[in-house]
Amino acid sequence: MIRIRAPRPARPRHARRPAFVLAAAALALALGIAGPAHADKDADRARAAVQSGEILPLSRILAAVSQQYAGDVIGVELDRDDGIWQYEVKLLLPGGSVAKLEYDARTGALLKAKGRNLEQARKQP
């Protein structure tokens, strides 16, 4: 005997989302157990550098980005390489590409800018 079953209707995307979110949260917790202590230490170092005047606050860098380029900031990192603090800003440009901007955290000077169609996103002074 051959059985023919009607296909089940596909579940809408939004119905699958809770399981995905739950799995992603569980994975993040499993991988990031030691993360918060490290993040707190980094945040304390960055806060101390801003308070001592060693670096500019992020708000000043973001103001410079919005004055210089059209687009939306989608990520920021503060790194210290060879004793020099740098803000790395990822910017979603109006055309959909992503640019990476590096600023000297002490002076706010733009050090490096990379990205497709970045010149078209540059605002006139």
PDB file of N, CA and C in Angstrom:
ATOM      1  N   MET A   1       0.840  -1.159   0.000  1.00  0.00           N
ATOM      2  CA  MET A   1       0.000   0.000   0.000  1.00  0.00           C
ATOM      3  C   MET A   1       0.897   1.237   0.000  1.00  0.00           C
ATOM      4  N   ILE A   2       0.568   2.160  -0.839  1.00  0.00           N
ATOM      5  CA  ILE A   2       1.308   3.417  -0.946  1.00  0.00           C
ATOM      6  C   ILE A   2       0.478   4.508  -0.308  1.00  0.00           C
ATOM      7  N   ARG A   3       1.127   5.230   0.574  1.00  0.00           N
ATOM      8  CA  ARG A   3       0.440   6.352   1.204  1.00  0.00           C
ATOM      9  C   ARG A   3       0.899   7.647   0.576  1.00  0.00           C
ATOM     10  N   ILE A   4       0.002   8.482   0.318  1.00  0.00           N
ATOM     11  CA  ILE A   4       0.318   9.811  -0.191  1.00  0.00           C
ATOM     12  C   ILE A   4      -0.139  10.803   0.859  1.00  0.00           C
ATOM     13  N   ARG A   5       0.836  11.584   1.291  1.00  0.00           N
ATOM     14  CA  ARG A   5       0.517  12.587   2.311  1.00  0.00           C
ATOM     15  C   ARG A   5       0.567  13.971   1.695  1.00  0.00           C
ATOM     16  N   ALA A   6      -0.334  14.745   2.099  1.00  0.00           N
ATOM     17  CA  ALA A   6      -0.330  16.137   1.648  1.00  0.00           C
ATOM     18  C   ALA A   6       0.805  16.860   2.378  1.00  0.00           C
ATOM     19  N   PRO A   7       1.517  17.725   1.676  1.00  0.00           N
ATOM     20  CA  PRO A   7       2.592  18.461   2.340  1.00  0.00           C
ATOM     21  C   PRO A   7       2.042  19.379   3.434  1.00  0.00           C
ATOM     22  N   ARG A   8       2.796  19.451   4.508  1.00  0.00           N
ATOM     23  CA  ARG A   8       2.383  20.352   5.580  1.00  0.00           C
ATOM     24  C   ARG A   8       2.679  21.782   5.159  1.00  0.00           C
ATOM     25  N   PRO A   9       1.829  22.691   5.529  1.00  0.00           N
ATOM     26  CA  PRO A   9       2.126  24.087   5.202  1.00  0.00           C
ATOM     27  C   PRO A   9       3.364  24.540   5.982  1.00  0.00           C
ATOM     28  N   ALA A  10       4.180  25.331   5.326  1.00  0.00           N
ATOM     29  CA  ALA A  10       5.394  25.847   5.970  1.00  0.00           C
ATOM     30  C   ALA A  10       5.010  26.809   7.083  1.00  0.00           C
ATOM     31  N   ARG A  11       5.768  26.730   8.161  1.00  0.00           N
ATOM     32  CA  ARG A  11       5.526  27.668   9.256  1.00  0.00           C
ATOM     33  C   ARG A  11       6.028  29.039   8.837  1.00  0.00           C
ATOM     34  N   PRO A  12       5.289  30.062   9.175  1.00  0.00           N
ATOM     35  CA  PRO A  12       5.767  31.398   8.840  1.00  0.00           C
ATOM     36  C   PRO A  12       7.085  31.676   9.562  1.00  0.00           C
ATOM     37  N   ARG A  13       7.882  32.574   8.981  1.00  0.00           N
ATOM     38  CA  ARG A  13       9.196  32.897   9.548  1.00  0.00           C
ATOM     39  C   ARG A  13       9.116  33.365  10.981  1.00  0.00           C
ATOM     40  N   HIS A  14       8.130  34.199  11.275  1.00  0.00           N
ATOM     41  CA  HIS A  14       8.042  34.740  12.630  1.00  0.00           C
ATOM     42  C   HIS A  14       7.755  33.658  13.657  1.00  0.00           C
ATOM     43  N   ALA A  15       7.170  32.534  13.240  1.00  0.00           N
ATOM     44  CA  ALA A  15       6.887  31.448  14.167  1.00  0.00           C
ATOM     45  C   ALA A  15       8.160  30.694  14.528  1.00  0.00           C
ATOM     46  N   ARG A  16       9.179  30.724  13.664  1.00  0.00           N
ATOM     47  CA  ARG A  16      10.442  30.041  13.940  1.00  0.00           C
ATOM     48  C   ARG A  16      11.393  30.907  14.737  1.00  0.00           C
ATOM     49  N   ARG A  17      11.184  32.177  14.789  1.00  0.00           N
ATOM     50  CA  ARG A  17      12.116  33.106  15.408  1.00  0.00           C
ATOM     51  C   ARG A  17      12.367  32.838  16.887  1.00  0.00           C
ATOM     52  N   PRO A  18      11.364  32.537  17.724  1.00  0.00           N
ATOM     53  CA  PRO A  18      11.656  32.328  19.148  1.00  0.00           C
ATOM     54  C   PRO A  18      12.666  31.206  19.388  1.00  0.00           C
ATOM     55  N   ALA A  19      12.572  30.125  18.658  1.00  0.00           N
ATOM     56  CA  ALA A  19      13.522  29.028  18.842  1.00  0.00           C
ATOM     57  C   ALA A  19      14.927  29.472  18.451  1.00  0.00           C
ATOM     58  N   PHE A  20      15.042  30.230  17.382  1.00  0.00           N
ATOM     59  CA  PHE A  20      16.344  30.721  16.943  1.00  0.00           C
ATOM     60  C   PHE A  20      16.934  31.668  17.979  1.00  0.00           C
ATOM     61  N   VAL A  21      16.123  32.582  18.481  1.00  0.00           N
ATOM     62  CA  VAL A  21      16.590  33.542  19.472  1.00  0.00           C
ATOM     63  C   VAL A  21      17.033  32.815  20.732  1.00  0.00           C
ATOM     64  N   LEU A  22      16.271  31.821  21.152  1.00  0.00           N
ATOM     65  CA  LEU A  22      16.617  31.047  22.336  1.00  0.00           C
ATOM     66  C   LEU A  22      17.928  30.304  22.137  1.00  0.00           C
ATOM     67  N   ALA A  23      18.109  29.694  20.975  1.00  0.00           N
ATOM     68  CA  ALA A  23      19.356  28.975  20.686  1.00  0.00           C
ATOM     69  C   ALA A  23      20.535  29.941  20.647  1.00  0.00           C
ATOM     70  N   ALA A  24      20.362  31.097  20.039  1.00  0.00           N
ATOM     71  CA  ALA A  24      21.437  32.081  19.964  1.00  0.00           C
ATOM     72  C   ALA A  24      21.803  32.596  21.358  1.00  0.00           C
ATOM     73  N   ALA A  25      20.806  32.818  22.188  1.00  0.00           N
ATOM     74  CA  ALA A  25      21.070  33.283  23.550  1.00  0.00           C
ATOM     75  C   ALA A  25      21.816  32.229  24.353  1.00  0.00           C
ATOM     76  N   ALA A  26      21.414  30.964  24.203  1.00  0.00           N
ATOM     77  CA  ALA A  26      22.100  29.885  24.918  1.00  0.00           C
ATOM     78  C   ALA A  26      23.547  29.765  24.460  1.00  0.00           C
ATOM     79  N   LEU A  27      23.777  29.889  23.168  1.00  0.00           N
ATOM     80  CA  LEU A  27      25.142  29.817  22.645  1.00  0.00           C
ATOM     81  C   LEU A  27      25.968  30.984  23.156  1.00  0.00           C
ATOM     82  N   ALA A  28      25.400  32.163  23.169  1.00  0.00           N
ATOM     83  CA  ALA A  28      26.127  33.339  23.664  1.00  0.00           C
ATOM     84  C   ALA A  28      26.497  33.173  25.130  1.00  0.00           C
ATOM     85  N   LEU A  29      25.582  32.629  25.910  1.00  0.00           N
ATOM     86  CA  LEU A  29      25.887  32.396  27.323  1.00  0.00           C
ATOM     87  C   LEU A  29      26.979  31.348  27.490  1.00  0.00           C
ATOM     88  N   ALA A  30      26.908  30.302  26.685  1.00  0.00           N
ATOM     89  CA  ALA A  30      27.909  29.237  26.788  1.00  0.00           C
ATOM     90  C   ALA A  30      29.293  29.733  26.393  1.00  0.00           C
ATOM     91  N   LEU A  31      29.371  30.551  25.372  1.00  0.00           N
ATOM     92  CA  LEU A  31      30.662  31.038  24.900  1.00  0.00           C
ATOM     93  C   LEU A  31      31.164  32.240  25.687  1.00  0.00           C
ATOM     94  N   GLY A  32      30.279  32.981  26.283  1.00  0.00           N
ATOM     95  CA  GLY A  32      30.681  34.236  26.899  1.00  0.00           C
ATOM     96  C   GLY A  32      30.709  34.238  28.407  1.00  0.00           C
ATOM     97  N   ILE A  33      30.918  33.106  29.019  1.00  0.00           N
ATOM     98  CA  ILE A  33      30.921  33.062  30.473  1.00  0.00           C
ATOM     99  C   ILE A  33      31.999  33.970  31.051  1.00  0.00           C
ATOM    100  N   ALA A  34      33.206  33.968  30.478  1.00  0.00           N
ATOM    101  CA  ALA A  34      34.281  34.806  30.991  1.00  0.00           C
ATOM    102  C   ALA A  34      34.253  36.207  30.382  1.00  0.00           C
ATOM    103  N   GLY A  35      33.388  36.460  29.429  1.00  0.00           N
ATOM    104  CA  GLY A  35      33.339  37.731  28.723  1.00  0.00           C
ATOM    105  C   GLY A  35      33.020  38.950  29.569  1.00  0.00           C
ATOM    106  N   PRO A  36      32.017  38.919  30.439  1.00  0.00           N
ATOM    107  CA  PRO A  36      31.652  40.122  31.168  1.00  0.00           C
ATOM    108  C   PRO A  36      32.780  40.680  32.039  1.00  0.00           C
ATOM    109  N   ALA A  37      33.554  39.847  32.697  1.00  0.00           N
ATOM    110  CA  ALA A  37      34.644  40.347  33.538  1.00  0.00           C
ATOM    111  C   ALA A  37      35.679  41.063  32.678  1.00  0.00           C
ATOM    112  N   HIS A  38      35.981  40.494  31.530  1.00  0.00           N
ATOM    113  CA  HIS A  38      36.933  41.110  30.616  1.00  0.00           C
ATOM    114  C   HIS A  38      36.374  42.423  30.068  1.00  0.00           C
ATOM    115  N   ALA A  39      35.100  42.424  29.724  1.00  0.00           N
ATOM    116  CA  ALA A  39      34.465  43.630  29.199  1.00  0.00           C
ATOM    117  C   ALA A  39      34.448  44.731  30.252  1.00  0.00           C
ATOM    118  N   ASP A  40      34.192  44.375  31.518  1.00  0.00           N
ATOM    119  CA  ASP A  40      34.193  45.369  32.584  1.00  0.00           C
ATOM    120  C   ASP A  40      35.571  45.993  32.735  1.00  0.00           C
ATOM    121  N   LYS A  41      36.614  45.175  32.664  1.00  0.00           N
ATOM    122  CA  LYS A  41      37.977  45.676  32.797  1.00  0.00           C
ATOM    123  C   LYS A  41      38.300  46.642  31.658  1.00  0.00           C
ATOM    124  N   ASP A  42      37.921  46.273  30.431  1.00  0.00           N
ATOM    125  CA  ASP A  42      38.147  47.143  29.276  1.00  0.00           C
ATOM    126  C   ASP A  42      37.377  48.448  29.418  1.00  0.00           C
ATOM    127  N   ALA A  43      36.137  48.358  29.872  1.00  0.00           N
ATOM    128  CA  ALA A  43      35.322  49.563  30.041  1.00  0.00           C
ATOM    129  C   ALA A  43      35.935  50.480  31.100  1.00  0.00           C
ATOM    130  N   ASP A  44      36.449  49.890  32.163  1.00  0.00           N
ATOM    131  CA  ASP A  44      37.088  50.693  33.208  1.00  0.00           C
ATOM    132  C   ASP A  44      38.327  51.409  32.675  1.00  0.00           C
ATOM    133  N   ARG A  45      39.133  50.708  31.865  1.00  0.00           N
ATOM    134  CA  ARG A  45      40.330  51.319  31.277  1.00  0.00           C
ATOM    135  C   ARG A  45      39.950  52.463  30.344  1.00  0.00           C
ATOM    136  N   ALA A  46      38.924  52.242  29.532  1.00  0.00           N
ATOM    137  CA  ALA A  46      38.488  53.287  28.598  1.00  0.00           C
ATOM    138  C   ALA A  46      37.932  54.485  29.360  1.00  0.00           C
ATOM    139  N   ARG A  47      37.143  54.234  30.387  1.00  0.00           N
ATOM    140  CA  ARG A  47      36.568  55.323  31.183  1.00  0.00           C
ATOM    141  C   ARG A  47      37.675  56.139  31.841  1.00  0.00           C
ATOM    142  N   ALA A  48      38.673  55.450  32.379  1.00  0.00           N
ATOM    143  CA  ALA A  48      39.792  56.149  33.022  1.00  0.00           C
ATOM    144  C   ALA A  48      40.563  56.986  32.007  1.00  0.00           C
ATOM    145  N   ALA A  49      40.733  56.478  30.797  1.00  0.00           N
ATOM    146  CA  ALA A  49      41.450  57.227  29.756  1.00  0.00           C
ATOM    147  C   ALA A  49      40.680  58.479  29.360  1.00  0.00           C
ATOM    148  N   VAL A  50      39.361  58.390  29.292  1.00  0.00           N
ATOM    149  CA  VAL A  50      38.547  59.574  28.970  1.00  0.00           C
ATOM    150  C   VAL A  50      38.623  60.579  30.109  1.00  0.00           C
ATOM    151  N   GLN A  51      38.474  60.108  31.347  1.00  0.00           N
ATOM    152  CA  GLN A  51      38.480  61.007  32.497  1.00  0.00           C
ATOM    153  C   GLN A  51      39.819  61.704  32.693  1.00  0.00           C
ATOM    154  N   SER A  52      40.905  61.023  32.341  1.00  0.00           N
ATOM    155  CA  SER A  52      42.232  61.630  32.499  1.00  0.00           C
ATOM    156  C   SER A  52      42.589  62.541  31.327  1.00  0.00           C
ATOM    157  N   GLY A  53      41.757  62.549  30.285  1.00  0.00           N
ATOM    158  CA  GLY A  53      42.023  63.381  29.122  1.00  0.00           C
ATOM    159  C   GLY A  53      42.962  62.732  28.116  1.00  0.00           C
ATOM    160  N   GLU A  54      43.275  61.459  28.355  1.00  0.00           N
ATOM    161  CA  GLU A  54      44.154  60.740  27.432  1.00  0.00           C
ATOM    162  C   GLU A  54      43.480  60.510  26.079  1.00  0.00           C
ATOM    163  N   ILE A  55      42.164  60.309  26.088  1.00  0.00           N
ATOM    164  CA  ILE A  55      41.407  60.132  24.843  1.00  0.00           C
ATOM    165  C   ILE A  55      40.141  60.981  24.887  1.00  0.00           C
ATOM    166  N   LEU A  56      39.591  61.231  23.703  1.00  0.00           N
ATOM    167  CA  LEU A  56      38.326  61.952  23.584  1.00  0.00           C
ATOM    168  C   LEU A  56      37.166  61.000  23.857  1.00  0.00           C
ATOM    169  N   PRO A  57      36.059  61.532  24.357  1.00  0.00           N
ATOM    170  CA  PRO A  57      34.884  60.674  24.530  1.00  0.00           C
ATOM    171  C   PRO A  57      34.317  60.251  23.174  1.00  0.00           C
ATOM    172  N   LEU A  58      33.658  59.131  23.159  1.00  0.00           N
ATOM    173  CA  LEU A  58      33.079  58.601  21.926  1.00  0.00           C
ATOM    174  C   LEU A  58      32.127  59.601  21.273  1.00  0.00           C
ATOM    175  N   SER A  59      31.411  60.362  22.063  1.00  0.00           N
ATOM    176  CA  SER A  59      30.458  61.327  21.491  1.00  0.00           C
ATOM    177  C   SER A  59      31.151  62.330  20.563  1.00  0.00           C
ATOM    178  N   ARG A  60      32.370  62.719  20.880  1.00  0.00           N
ATOM    179  CA  ARG A  60      33.113  63.648  20.021  1.00  0.00           C
ATOM    180  C   ARG A  60      33.492  62.989  18.703  1.00  0.00           C
ATOM    181  N   ILE A  61      33.870  61.728  18.750  1.00  0.00           N
ATOM    182  CA  ILE A  61      34.230  60.998  17.531  1.00  0.00           C
ATOM    183  C   ILE A  61      32.994  60.816  16.658  1.00  0.00           C
ATOM    184  N   LEU A  62      31.869  60.444  17.266  1.00  0.00           N
ATOM    185  CA  LEU A  62      30.636  60.250  16.494  1.00  0.00           C
ATOM    186  C   LEU A  62      30.163  61.558  15.872  1.00  0.00           C
ATOM    187  N   ALA A  63      30.370  62.670  16.560  1.00  0.00           N
ATOM    188  CA  ALA A  63      30.022  63.976  15.988  1.00  0.00           C
ATOM    189  C   ALA A  63      30.887  64.257  14.764  1.00  0.00           C
ATOM    190  N   ALA A  64      32.165  63.917  14.845  1.00  0.00           N
ATOM    191  CA  ALA A  64      33.063  64.114  13.696  1.00  0.00           C
ATOM    192  C   ALA A  64      32.642  63.235  12.521  1.00  0.00           C
ATOM    193  N   VAL A  65      32.273  62.006  12.807  1.00  0.00           N
ATOM    194  CA  VAL A  65      31.834  61.096  11.741  1.00  0.00           C
ATOM    195  C   VAL A  65      30.603  61.674  11.042  1.00  0.00           C
ATOM    196  N   SER A  66      29.624  62.132  11.823  1.00  0.00           N
ATOM    197  CA  SER A  66      28.388  62.645  11.204  1.00  0.00           C
ATOM    198  C   SER A  66      28.627  63.940  10.436  1.00  0.00           C
ATOM    199  N   GLN A  67      29.636  64.720  10.813  1.00  0.00           N
ATOM    200  CA  GLN A  67      29.971  65.932  10.068  1.00  0.00           C
ATOM    201  C   GLN A  67      30.689  65.601   8.759  1.00  0.00           C
ATOM    202  N   GLN A  68      31.443  64.513   8.740  1.00  0.00           N
ATOM    203  CA  GLN A  68      32.270  64.181   7.585  1.00  0.00           C
ATOM    204  C   GLN A  68      31.601  63.245   6.575  1.00  0.00           C
ATOM    205  N   TYR A  69      30.735  62.345   7.047  1.00  0.00           N
ATOM    206  CA  TYR A  69      30.181  61.317   6.159  1.00  0.00           C
ATOM    207  C   TYR A  69      28.687  61.135   6.362  1.00  0.00           C
ATOM    208  N   ALA A  70      28.002  60.802   5.269  1.00  0.00           N
ATOM    209  CA  ALA A  70      26.604  60.397   5.336  1.00  0.00           C
ATOM    210  C   ALA A  70      26.579  58.898   5.604  1.00  0.00           C
ATOM    211  N   GLY A  71      25.678  58.465   6.451  1.00  0.00           N
ATOM    212  CA  GLY A  71      25.563  57.042   6.749  1.00  0.00           C
ATOM    213  C   GLY A  71      25.222  56.822   8.210  1.00  0.00           C
ATOM    214  N   ASP A  72      25.105  55.557   8.573  1.00  0.00           N
ATOM    215  CA  ASP A  72      24.736  55.178   9.935  1.00  0.00           C
ATOM    216  C   ASP A  72      25.857  54.374  10.569  1.00  0.00           C
ATOM    217  N   VAL A  73      26.227  54.750  11.779  1.00  0.00           N
ATOM    218  CA  VAL A  73      27.248  54.008  12.519  1.00  0.00           C
ATOM    219  C   VAL A  73      26.641  52.675  12.938  1.00  0.00           C
ATOM    220  N   ILE A  74      27.331  51.590  12.595  1.00  0.00           N
ATOM    221  CA  ILE A  74      26.835  50.256  12.948  1.00  0.00           C
ATOM    222  C   ILE A  74      27.782  49.529  13.895  1.00  0.00           C
ATOM    223  N   GLY A  75      28.922  50.131  14.197  1.00  0.00           N
ATOM    224  CA  GLY A  75      29.842  49.504  15.129  1.00  0.00           C
ATOM    225  C   GLY A  75      30.989  50.422  15.477  1.00  0.00           C
ATOM    226  N   VAL A  76      31.452  50.307  16.719  1.00  0.00           N
ATOM    227  CA  VAL A  76      32.587  51.108  17.183  1.00  0.00           C
ATOM    228  C   VAL A  76      33.447  50.236  18.078  1.00  0.00           C
ATOM    229  N   GLU A  77      34.751  50.339  17.904  1.00  0.00           N
ATOM    230  CA  GLU A  77      35.692  49.663  18.784  1.00  0.00           C
ATOM    231  C   GLU A  77      36.740  50.666  19.220  1.00  0.00           C
ATOM    232  N   LEU A  78      37.190  50.519  20.447  1.00  0.00           N
ATOM    233  CA  LEU A  78      38.287  51.327  20.963  1.00  0.00           C
ATOM    234  C   LEU A  78      39.441  50.369  21.206  1.00  0.00           C
ATOM    235  N   ASP A  79      40.542  50.564  20.500  1.00  0.00           N
ATOM    236  CA  ASP A  79      41.704  49.680  20.605  1.00  0.00           C
ATOM    237  C   ASP A  79      42.918  50.485  21.014  1.00  0.00           C
ATOM    238  N   ARG A  80      43.831  49.805  21.650  1.00  0.00           N
ATOM    239  CA  ARG A  80      45.117  50.422  21.983  1.00  0.00           C
ATOM    240  C   ARG A  80      46.198  49.566  21.347  1.00  0.00           C
ATOM    241  N   ASP A  81      46.801  50.085  20.280  1.00  0.00           N
ATOM    242  CA  ASP A  81      47.857  49.389  19.558  1.00  0.00           C
ATOM    243  C   ASP A  81      49.156  50.155  19.731  1.00  0.00           C
ATOM    244  N   ASP A  82      50.164  49.473  20.234  1.00  0.00           N
ATOM    245  CA  ASP A  82      51.482  50.088  20.456  1.00  0.00           C
ATOM    246  C   ASP A  82      51.382  51.367  21.285  1.00  0.00           C
ATOM    247  N   GLY A  83      50.494  51.354  22.288  1.00  0.00           N
ATOM    248  CA  GLY A  83      50.356  52.507  23.170  1.00  0.00           C
ATOM    249  C   GLY A  83      49.508  53.632  22.618  1.00  0.00           C
ATOM    250  N   ILE A  84      48.978  53.469  21.411  1.00  0.00           N
ATOM    251  CA  ILE A  84      48.165  54.521  20.775  1.00  0.00           C
ATOM    252  C   ILE A  84      46.707  54.073  20.738  1.00  0.00           C
ATOM    253  N   TRP A  85      45.842  54.872  21.323  1.00  0.00           N
ATOM    254  CA  TRP A  85      44.412  54.581  21.316  1.00  0.00           C
ATOM    255  C   TRP A  85      43.812  54.978  19.967  1.00  0.00           C
ATOM    256  N   GLN A  86      42.944  54.103  19.434  1.00  0.00           N
ATOM    257  CA  GLN A  86      42.241  54.387  18.178  1.00  0.00           C
ATOM    258  C   GLN A  86      40.792  53.952  18.289  1.00  0.00           C
ATOM    259  N   TYR A  87      39.928  54.784  17.738  1.00  0.00           N
ATOM    260  CA  TYR A  87      38.521  54.411  17.571  1.00  0.00           C
ATOM    261  C   TYR A  87      38.382  53.862  16.155  1.00  0.00           C
ATOM    262  N   GLU A  88      37.799  52.679  16.033  1.00  0.00           N
ATOM    263  CA  GLU A  88      37.474  52.110  14.724  1.00  0.00           C
ATOM    264  C   GLU A  88      35.960  52.149  14.578  1.00  0.00           C
ATOM    265  N   VAL A  89      35.508  52.873  13.573  1.00  0.00           N
ATOM    266  CA  VAL A  89      34.075  53.081  13.365  1.00  0.00           C
ATOM    267  C   VAL A  89      33.660  52.387  12.075  1.00  0.00           C
ATOM    268  N   LYS A  90      32.621  51.546  12.146  1.00  0.00           N
ATOM    269  CA  LYS A  90      32.042  50.942  10.940  1.00  0.00           C
ATOM    270  C   LYS A  90      30.801  51.746  10.601  1.00  0.00           C
ATOM    271  N   LEU A  91      30.727  52.130   9.337  1.00  0.00           N
ATOM    272  CA  LEU A  91      29.666  53.017   8.878  1.00  0.00           C
ATOM    273  C   LEU A  91      28.924  52.370   7.716  1.00  0.00           C
ATOM    274  N   LEU A  92      27.609  52.276   7.834  1.00  0.00           N
ATOM    275  CA  LEU A  92      26.775  51.786   6.737  1.00  0.00           C
ATOM    276  C   LEU A  92      26.456  52.977   5.847  1.00  0.00           C
ATOM    277  N   LEU A  93      26.989  52.941   4.640  1.00  0.00           N
ATOM    278  CA  LEU A  93      26.834  54.061   3.714  1.00  0.00           C
ATOM    279  C   LEU A  93      25.466  54.028   3.046  1.00  0.00           C
ATOM    280  N   PRO A  94      24.992  55.157   2.523  1.00  0.00           N
ATOM    281  CA  PRO A  94      23.673  55.206   1.894  1.00  0.00           C
ATOM    282  C   PRO A  94      23.480  54.182   0.773  1.00  0.00           C
ATOM    283  N   GLY A  95      24.544  53.836   0.050  1.00  0.00           N
ATOM    284  CA  GLY A  95      24.433  52.855  -1.026  1.00  0.00           C
ATOM    285  C   GLY A  95      24.397  51.410  -0.555  1.00  0.00           C
ATOM    286  N   GLY A  96      24.580  51.193   0.744  1.00  0.00           N
ATOM    287  CA  GLY A  96      24.505  49.845   1.290  1.00  0.00           C
ATOM    288  C   GLY A  96      25.854  49.207   1.596  1.00  0.00           C
ATOM    289  N   SER A  97      26.948  49.832   1.187  1.00  0.00           N
ATOM    290  CA  SER A  97      28.255  49.265   1.502  1.00  0.00           C
ATOM    291  C   SER A  97      28.690  49.712   2.897  1.00  0.00           C
ATOM    292  N   VAL A  98      29.697  49.036   3.422  1.00  0.00           N
ATOM    293  CA  VAL A  98      30.198  49.327   4.761  1.00  0.00           C
ATOM    294  C   VAL A  98      31.595  49.919   4.642  1.00  0.00           C
ATOM    295  N   ALA A  99      31.843  50.976   5.390  1.00  0.00           N
ATOM    296  CA  ALA A  99      33.158  51.622   5.413  1.00  0.00           C
ATOM    297  C   ALA A  99      33.748  51.474   6.805  1.00  0.00           C
ATOM    298  N   LYS A 100      35.068  51.488   6.860  1.00  0.00           N
ATOM    299  CA  LYS A 100      35.775  51.437   8.132  1.00  0.00           C
ATOM    300  C   LYS A 100      36.605  52.710   8.265  1.00  0.00           C
ATOM    301  N   LEU A 101      36.375  53.430   9.348  1.00  0.00           N
ATOM    302  CA  LEU A 101      37.077  54.679   9.615  1.00  0.00           C
ATOM    303  C   LEU A 101      37.887  54.510  10.893  1.00  0.00           C
ATOM    304  N   GLU A 102      39.140  54.944  10.869  1.00  0.00           N
ATOM    305  CA  GLU A 102      39.982  54.871  12.060  1.00  0.00           C
ATOM    306  C   GLU A 102      40.355  56.289  12.478  1.00  0.00           C
ATOM    307  N   TYR A 103      40.114  56.599  13.748  1.00  0.00           N
ATOM    308  CA  TYR A 103      40.387  57.917  14.303  1.00  0.00           C
ATOM    309  C   TYR A 103      41.392  57.805  15.442  1.00  0.00           C
ATOM    310  N   ASP A 104      42.280  58.785  15.525  1.00  0.00           N
ATOM    311  CA  ASP A 104      43.176  58.893  16.669  1.00  0.00           C
ATOM    312  C   ASP A 104      42.288  59.286  17.851  1.00  0.00           C
ATOM    313  N   ALA A 105      42.266  58.462  18.887  1.00  0.00           N
ATOM    314  CA  ALA A 105      41.366  58.707  20.013  1.00  0.00           C
ATOM    315  C   ALA A 105      41.801  59.900  20.855  1.00  0.00           C
ATOM    316  N   ARG A 106      43.055  60.290  20.771  1.00  0.00           N
ATOM    317  CA  ARG A 106      43.553  61.425  21.554  1.00  0.00           C
ATOM    318  C   ARG A 106      43.189  62.749  20.899  1.00  0.00           C
ATOM    319  N   THR A 107      43.354  62.820  19.561  1.00  0.00           N
ATOM    320  CA  THR A 107      43.141  64.084  18.848  1.00  0.00           C
ATOM    321  C   THR A 107      41.844  64.154  18.053  1.00  0.00           C
ATOM    322  N   GLY A 108      41.281  62.996  17.727  1.00  0.00           N
ATOM    323  CA  GLY A 108      40.085  62.960  16.887  1.00  0.00           C
ATOM    324  C   GLY A 108      40.395  63.043  15.403  1.00  0.00           C
ATOM    325  N   ALA A 109      41.672  62.988  15.041  1.00  0.00           N
ATOM    326  CA  ALA A 109      42.060  63.072  13.628  1.00  0.00           C
ATOM    327  C   ALA A 109      41.731  61.760  12.913  1.00  0.00           C
ATOM    328  N   LEU A 110      41.218  61.882  11.697  1.00  0.00           N
ATOM    329  CA  LEU A 110      40.946  60.711  10.875  1.00  0.00           C
ATOM    330  C   LEU A 110      42.278  60.161  10.370  1.00  0.00           C
ATOM    331  N   LEU A 111      42.569  58.912  10.709  1.00  0.00           N
ATOM    332  CA  LEU A 111      43.834  58.289  10.325  1.00  0.00           C
ATOM    333  C   LEU A 111      43.716  57.488   9.043  1.00  0.00           C
ATOM    334  N   LYS A 112      42.608  56.771   8.897  1.00  0.00           N
ATOM    335  CA  LYS A 112      42.435  55.897   7.749  1.00  0.00           C
ATOM    336  C   LYS A 112      40.950  55.752   7.451  1.00  0.00           C
ATOM    337  N   ALA A 113      40.618  55.690   6.170  1.00  0.00           N
ATOM    338  CA  ALA A 113      39.233  55.497   5.738  1.00  0.00           C
ATOM    339  C   ALA A 113      39.224  54.531   4.566  1.00  0.00           C
ATOM    340  N   LYS A 114      38.473  53.428   4.710  1.00  0.00           N
ATOM    341  CA  LYS A 114      38.371  52.434   3.646  1.00  0.00           C
ATOM    342  C   LYS A 114      36.905  52.086   3.426  1.00  0.00           C
ATOM    343  N   GLY A 115      36.588  51.835   2.176  1.00  0.00           N
ATOM    344  CA  GLY A 115      35.234  51.398   1.865  1.00  0.00           C
ATOM    345  C   GLY A 115      34.849  51.760   0.454  1.00  0.00           C
ATOM    346  N   ARG A 116      34.015  50.903  -0.123  1.00  0.00           N
ATOM    347  CA  ARG A 116      33.533  51.151  -1.473  1.00  0.00           C
ATOM    348  C   ARG A 116      32.553  52.312  -1.452  1.00  0.00           C
ATOM    349  N   ASN A 117      32.711  53.221  -2.398  1.00  0.00           N
ATOM    350  CA  ASN A 117      31.848  54.403  -2.559  1.00  0.00           C
ATOM    351  C   ASN A 117      31.935  55.364  -1.369  1.00  0.00           C
ATOM    352  N   LEU A 118      33.051  55.332  -0.681  1.00  0.00           N
ATOM    353  CA  LEU A 118      33.233  56.200   0.483  1.00  0.00           C
ATOM    354  C   LEU A 118      33.283  57.673   0.087  1.00  0.00           C
ATOM    355  N   GLU A 119      33.910  57.962  -1.043  1.00  0.00           N
ATOM    356  CA  GLU A 119      34.018  59.363  -1.477  1.00  0.00           C
ATOM    357  C   GLU A 119      32.650  59.967  -1.782  1.00  0.00           C
ATOM    358  N   GLN A 120      31.703  59.159  -2.283  1.00  0.00           N
ATOM    359  CA  GLN A 120      30.365  59.676  -2.560  1.00  0.00           C
ATOM    360  C   GLN A 120      29.609  59.994  -1.256  1.00  0.00           C
ATOM    361  N   ALA A 121      29.994  59.338  -0.169  1.00  0.00           N
ATOM    362  CA  ALA A 121      29.328  59.563   1.117  1.00  0.00           C
ATOM    363  C   ALA A 121      29.957  60.720   1.878  1.00  0.00           C
ATOM    364  N   ARG A 122      31.087  61.213   1.422  1.00  0.00           N
ATOM    365  CA  ARG A 122      31.777  62.297   2.120  1.00  0.00           C
ATOM    366  C   ARG A 122      30.983  63.595   1.971  1.00  0.00           C
ATOM    367  N   LYS A 123      30.760  64.259   3.074  1.00  0.00           N
ATOM    368  CA  LYS A 123      30.017  65.521   3.076  1.00  0.00           C
ATOM    369  C   LYS A 123      30.972  66.668   2.756  1.00  0.00           C
ATOM    370  N   GLN A 124      30.435  67.680   2.112  1.00  0.00           N
ATOM    371  CA  GLN A 124      31.238  68.866   1.783  1.00  0.00           C
ATOM    372  C   GLN A 124      31.438  69.704   3.041  1.00  0.00           C
ATOM    373  N   PRO A 125      32.667  70.244   3.255  1.00  0.00           N
ATOM    374  CA  PRO A 125      32.912  71.063   4.453  1.00  0.00           C
ATOM    375  C   PRO A 125      32.162  72.380   4.438  1.00  0.00           C
TER     376      PRO A 125
END
